[in-house]
Amino acid sequence: MEYNLGFLTFLSAVILYVAYQQWKTTKKKFNLDCYDRRIKVYEEVRKFIELVNQNGSPTSDEIRNFDSATHEAEFLFGSEISQYISTISRHGLELMSTKHSEKIDEQYKDDRIPKIIKINSEWFREQINGAKMEFKKYLDISG
């Protein structure tokens, strides 16, 4: 009887160890899957920022595509990333509409328009590094 109890204890320990290892493996896979989905959102953010910096202003289709490509962010990140992405969209929309107004209102030479364009353009230039800092805590796998 003592032999069976020792064997059962050993067997229980082995089963517990295997279950723990499976849990660790599952957790690592889950984290890797989350990382893959998060990096895609970050890449879309970076791509949109680069597009705006290159072209000076996004189109409505580009803003719509950006919003569509980043819609999962609220489920993958903390609320600050969703807010950051909304801020990017808002600045892009403001830049687009202001550039459009500039073309329409050339005859009036509204001096607010260049200021608004400058502020938003500078904001987008700052986001080249700003996006990296915003996403760092979610994408840093160094340790």
Foldseek 3Di string as FASTA:
>chain_A
DVVVVVVVVVVVVVVVVVVVVVVVVVVVVVLVVLLVLLVQLLVLVLVLLVVCLVPLADDPVSLVVNCVSNVCVVVSDPVVVVVVSVVLSVLRVQRNVLVVVCVVCVVVPDVVSVVSSVVSSVVSVVVNVVSCVSCVVSNDPPD
